[in-house]
Amino acid sequence: MAEFVPNQPITDENGVVEVTFGNVVKPLPPGTHIFQLVVVDDLGVSSDPVTAQVVIQGKPVAVLSAPDKVALGLPFKLDATASTPKGKITKFIFTRIVKIT
């Protein structure tokens, strides 16, 4: 396990690197961060670089799915299961807001 410093490559022979940030006072901010990989074979030939985007989430993001229209008297579902982060949400708080027209 090595500290991952921006723009400084980490070389590994096993193909897996754990991204840590040591004693950083300010960790990566929420948002999309790009990581790059180049592999080198036993002849010393390097691949083209490939990238992966990792989203660092700050506060949870609520995602609500609901039908556009429902027939009078029929039940319907409100679905918030696409909200993130999955596995850490402890409550889904649904509220019907009265719209004055």
Protein backbone atom coordinates (compact mmCIF):
# COMPACT_ATOMS: atom_id res chain seq x y z
CA MET A 1 0.00 0.00 0.00
CA ALA A 2 1.48 3.32 -1.10
CA GLU A 3 0.25 6.86 -0.83
CA PHE A 4 -1.22 7.93 -4.16
CA VAL A 5 0.13 11.39 -5.02
CA PRO A 6 -1.35 13.22 -8.04
CA ASN A 7 0.79 13.03 -11.21
CA GLN A 8 3.31 10.68 -9.56
CA PRO A 9 3.14 7.11 -10.95
CA ILE A 10 3.08 4.08 -8.67
CA THR A 11 4.79 1.01 -10.10
CA ASP A 12 3.41 -2.41 -9.17
CA GLU A 13 4.16 -5.93 -10.41
CA ASN A 14 0.87 -7.53 -9.28
CA GLY A 15 -1.61 -5.32 -11.14
CA VAL A 16 -3.54 -4.02 -8.12
CA VAL A 17 -2.87 -0.79 -6.24
CA GLU A 18 -4.86 0.44 -3.27
CA VAL A 19 -5.45 4.18 -3.48
CA THR A 20 -4.74 5.84 -0.13
CA PHE A 21 -4.07 9.39 0.86
CA GLY A 22 -2.00 8.98 4.02
CA ASN A 23 -2.21 11.82 6.53
CA VAL A 24 -3.71 14.25 4.05
CA VAL A 25 -5.51 17.02 5.91
CA LYS A 26 -7.76 17.61 2.89
CA PRO A 27 -8.72 14.37 1.07
CA LEU A 28 -9.86 14.29 -2.53
CA PRO A 29 -12.81 16.62 -2.95
CA PRO A 30 -16.13 15.21 -4.13
CA GLY A 31 -16.28 14.96 -7.90
CA THR A 32 -14.82 12.95 -10.77
CA HIS A 33 -11.13 12.02 -10.63
CA ILE A 34 -9.18 10.38 -13.45
CA PHE A 35 -6.59 7.62 -12.97
CA GLN A 36 -4.28 6.38 -15.75
CA LEU A 37 -2.64 3.01 -16.40
CA VAL A 38 0.23 2.01 -18.69
CA VAL A 39 1.50 -1.58 -18.72
CA VAL A 40 4.99 -2.68 -19.75
CA ASP A 41 5.83 -6.18 -21.02
CA ASP A 42 8.99 -8.23 -20.45
CA LEU A 43 10.54 -6.71 -23.60
CA GLY A 44 10.13 -3.20 -22.17
CA VAL A 45 7.36 -2.24 -24.60
CA SER A 46 4.74 0.10 -23.11
CA SER A 47 1.02 0.07 -23.86
CA ASP A 48 -1.00 3.10 -24.79
CA PRO A 49 -2.40 4.73 -21.65
CA VAL A 50 -5.97 3.96 -20.54
CA THR A 51 -7.96 5.89 -17.97
CA ALA A 52 -10.67 5.24 -15.42
CA GLN A 53 -12.93 7.80 -13.82
CA VAL A 54 -13.70 7.49 -10.10
CA VAL A 55 -16.44 9.58 -8.53
CA ILE A 56 -15.75 10.63 -4.96
CA GLN A 57 -19.12 11.13 -3.35
CA GLY A 58 -19.75 13.79 -0.79
CA LYS A 59 -23.22 13.86 0.66
CA PRO A 60 -25.74 11.24 -0.47
CA VAL A 61 -27.57 11.82 -3.73
CA ALA A 62 -31.34 11.21 -3.64
CA VAL A 63 -32.84 9.71 -6.80
CA LEU A 64 -36.62 9.37 -6.93
CA SER A 65 -38.59 7.51 -9.59
CA ALA A 66 -42.37 7.86 -9.78
CA PRO A 67 -45.03 7.34 -12.42
CA ASP A 68 -46.07 10.41 -14.40
CA LYS A 69 -49.76 9.56 -14.17
CA VAL A 70 -51.86 7.17 -12.08
CA ALA A 71 -55.54 6.29 -12.46
CA LEU A 72 -57.78 7.55 -9.68
CA GLY A 73 -57.80 5.19 -6.71
CA LEU A 74 -54.94 2.95 -7.87
CA PRO A 75 -51.80 2.50 -5.75
CA PHE A 76 -48.37 3.40 -7.10
CA LYS A 77 -44.74 3.16 -6.01
CA LEU A 78 -42.12 5.77 -5.23
CA ASP A 79 -38.70 4.19 -5.79
CA ALA A 80 -35.57 5.67 -4.20
CA THR A 81 -33.35 2.58 -4.51
CA ALA A 82 -31.11 4.25 -7.12
CA SER A 83 -30.00 6.79 -4.51
CA THR A 84 -26.33 6.68 -3.60
CA PRO A 85 -24.21 5.68 -1.77
CA LYS A 86 -25.72 2.20 -1.65
CA GLY A 87 -25.21 0.33 1.60
CA LYS A 88 -24.74 3.43 3.72
CA ILE A 89 -28.16 5.08 3.52
CA THR A 90 -29.99 4.56 6.81
CA LYS A 91 -33.26 6.37 6.05
CA PHE A 92 -35.42 7.25 3.09
CA ILE A 93 -37.70 10.11 4.10
CA PHE A 94 -40.64 10.55 1.72
CA THR A 95 -42.85 13.64 2.09
CA ARG A 96 -45.92 14.64 0.07
CA ILE A 97 -45.67 18.35 -0.64
CA VAL A 98 -49.00 20.12 -1.04
CA LYS A 99 -48.89 22.22 -4.17
CA ILE A 100 -51.26 25.18 -4.16
CA THR A 101 -52.65 25.83 -7.63
